[in-house]
Protein backbone atom coordinates (compact mmCIF):
# COMPACT_ATOMS: atom_id res chain seq x y z
CA MET A 1 -14.21 -14.57 -3.51
CA ALA A 2 -12.16 -16.86 -1.33
CA GLY A 3 -8.65 -17.39 -2.61
CA GLU A 4 -8.88 -14.44 -4.98
CA ILE A 5 -5.68 -12.47 -5.40
CA ARG A 6 -6.22 -8.74 -5.35
CA VAL A 7 -3.90 -6.89 -7.69
CA ARG A 8 -3.36 -3.18 -7.22
CA ILE A 9 -1.34 -0.82 -9.33
CA VAL A 10 1.63 0.96 -7.76
CA LYS A 11 2.09 4.66 -8.45
CA TRP A 12 5.10 6.63 -7.26
CA THR A 13 4.63 10.25 -6.25
CA THR A 14 6.92 12.67 -8.04
CA PRO A 15 9.08 13.35 -4.93
CA ALA A 16 9.50 9.61 -4.24
CA GLN A 17 10.40 8.90 -7.85
CA GLN A 18 12.87 11.78 -7.96
CA SER A 19 14.52 10.58 -4.76
CA ALA A 20 14.93 7.06 -6.17
CA GLU A 21 16.31 8.45 -9.43
CA ARG A 22 18.84 10.64 -7.56
CA PHE A 23 20.01 7.60 -5.60
CA LEU A 24 20.39 5.52 -8.77
CA ASP A 25 22.18 8.34 -10.61
CA LEU A 26 24.63 8.75 -7.72
CA LEU A 27 25.23 5.01 -7.61
CA LEU A 28 25.66 4.89 -11.40
CA GLY A 29 28.49 7.41 -11.11
CA LEU A 30 30.24 5.14 -8.61
CA ASN A 31 29.47 1.65 -9.88
CA SER A 32 27.25 0.87 -12.86
CA LEU A 33 26.80 -2.78 -11.88
CA ALA A 34 25.62 -1.79 -8.39
CA ALA A 35 23.24 0.78 -9.91
CA LYS A 36 21.74 -1.88 -12.17
CA ARG A 37 21.33 -4.28 -9.24
CA ALA A 38 19.76 -1.56 -7.06
CA SER A 39 17.33 -0.62 -9.83
CA GLU A 40 16.33 -4.26 -10.27
CA GLU A 41 15.80 -4.69 -6.52
CA ILE A 42 13.68 -1.52 -6.29
CA GLN A 43 11.56 -2.72 -9.21
CA ALA A 44 11.19 -6.21 -7.70
CA ALA A 45 10.15 -4.76 -4.33
CA THR A 46 7.61 -2.55 -6.07
CA ARG A 47 6.20 -5.54 -7.97
CA ARG A 48 5.84 -7.50 -4.71
CA LEU A 49 3.68 -4.69 -3.30
CA VAL A 50 1.11 -5.43 -5.99
CA TYR A 51 0.31 -8.97 -4.82
CA MET A 52 0.77 -8.89 -1.06
CA PRO A 53 -2.40 -8.05 0.92
CA THR A 54 -0.50 -6.07 3.57
CA PRO A 55 3.06 -5.66 2.34
CA GLY A 56 5.84 -4.22 4.45
CA ARG A 57 5.17 -3.21 8.03
CA ALA A 58 2.84 -0.65 9.54
CA SER A 59 4.73 2.58 10.07
CA GLN A 60 5.22 3.81 13.62
CA ARG A 61 6.40 7.20 12.30
CA TRP A 62 3.75 8.04 9.72
CA PRO A 63 0.16 7.04 10.58
CA GLY A 64 -1.64 5.32 7.73
CA ALA A 65 1.60 4.47 5.94
CA ARG A 66 3.57 1.27 5.60
CA GLU A 67 7.33 0.78 5.21
CA LEU A 68 9.39 -1.63 3.15
CA SER A 69 13.11 -1.86 3.83
CA LEU A 70 15.74 -2.37 1.15
CA VAL A 71 18.38 -3.53 3.61
CA ARG A 72 21.27 -3.95 1.16
CA TRP A 73 20.92 -0.32 0.04
CA LYS A 74 19.87 1.12 3.42
CA LYS A 75 16.75 2.58 1.81
CA LEU A 76 13.14 2.72 2.91
CA ILE A 77 10.11 2.74 0.63
CA VAL A 78 7.17 4.42 2.36
CA PHE A 79 3.75 3.83 0.86
CA LYS A 80 0.02 4.01 1.51
CA ILE A 81 -2.51 1.37 0.54
CA LEU A 82 -5.45 3.14 -1.07
CA PRO A 83 -8.66 1.53 -2.35
CA ASP A 84 -7.56 1.66 -6.00
CA ARG A 85 -3.78 1.65 -5.79
CA ILE A 86 -0.63 1.63 -3.70
CA SER A 87 0.96 5.06 -3.55
CA VAL A 88 4.70 5.23 -2.90
CA ILE A 89 5.05 8.51 -1.04
CA ALA A 90 8.74 8.50 -0.13
CA PHE A 91 12.06 6.83 -0.92
CA LEU A 92 14.34 7.55 2.03
CA ASP A 93 17.84 6.83 3.27
CA ALA A 94 17.34 4.68 6.37
CA ARG A 95 20.49 6.16 7.93
CA GLN A 96 19.01 9.65 8.24
CA ASP A 97 16.92 10.83 11.19
CA LEU A 98 13.56 9.56 9.97
CA ASP A 99 11.68 10.93 12.96
CA VAL A 100 12.03 14.52 11.70
CA ILE A 101 10.57 13.82 8.25
CA ASP A 102 7.01 15.06 7.84
CA LEU A 103 5.00 13.04 5.35
CA SER A 104 1.60 14.22 6.57
CA GLU A 105 1.00 16.33 3.46
CA VAL A 106 1.66 13.45 1.07
């Protein structure tokens, strides 16, 4: 239908979720307020993926994937839009050499 909003669920793969949790745990050890803010921003970004028809930008590194930057935290959420859901396949540090990361098996 015209004007219909398509809502998809977002599922994080285990490696992506573990990477985000490691980041938040590290941040918590340094600054609990920053960790809380980072967690809230990650959750908000994930919620936005649900309602946007083509969220983020098409990835030039990983065919079929899209990327969403969390600029304040220098993090990158990599995800794929599937027919029944959005699958977050990686949570990466944007400062690392992203060109050497192989996400083809995810």
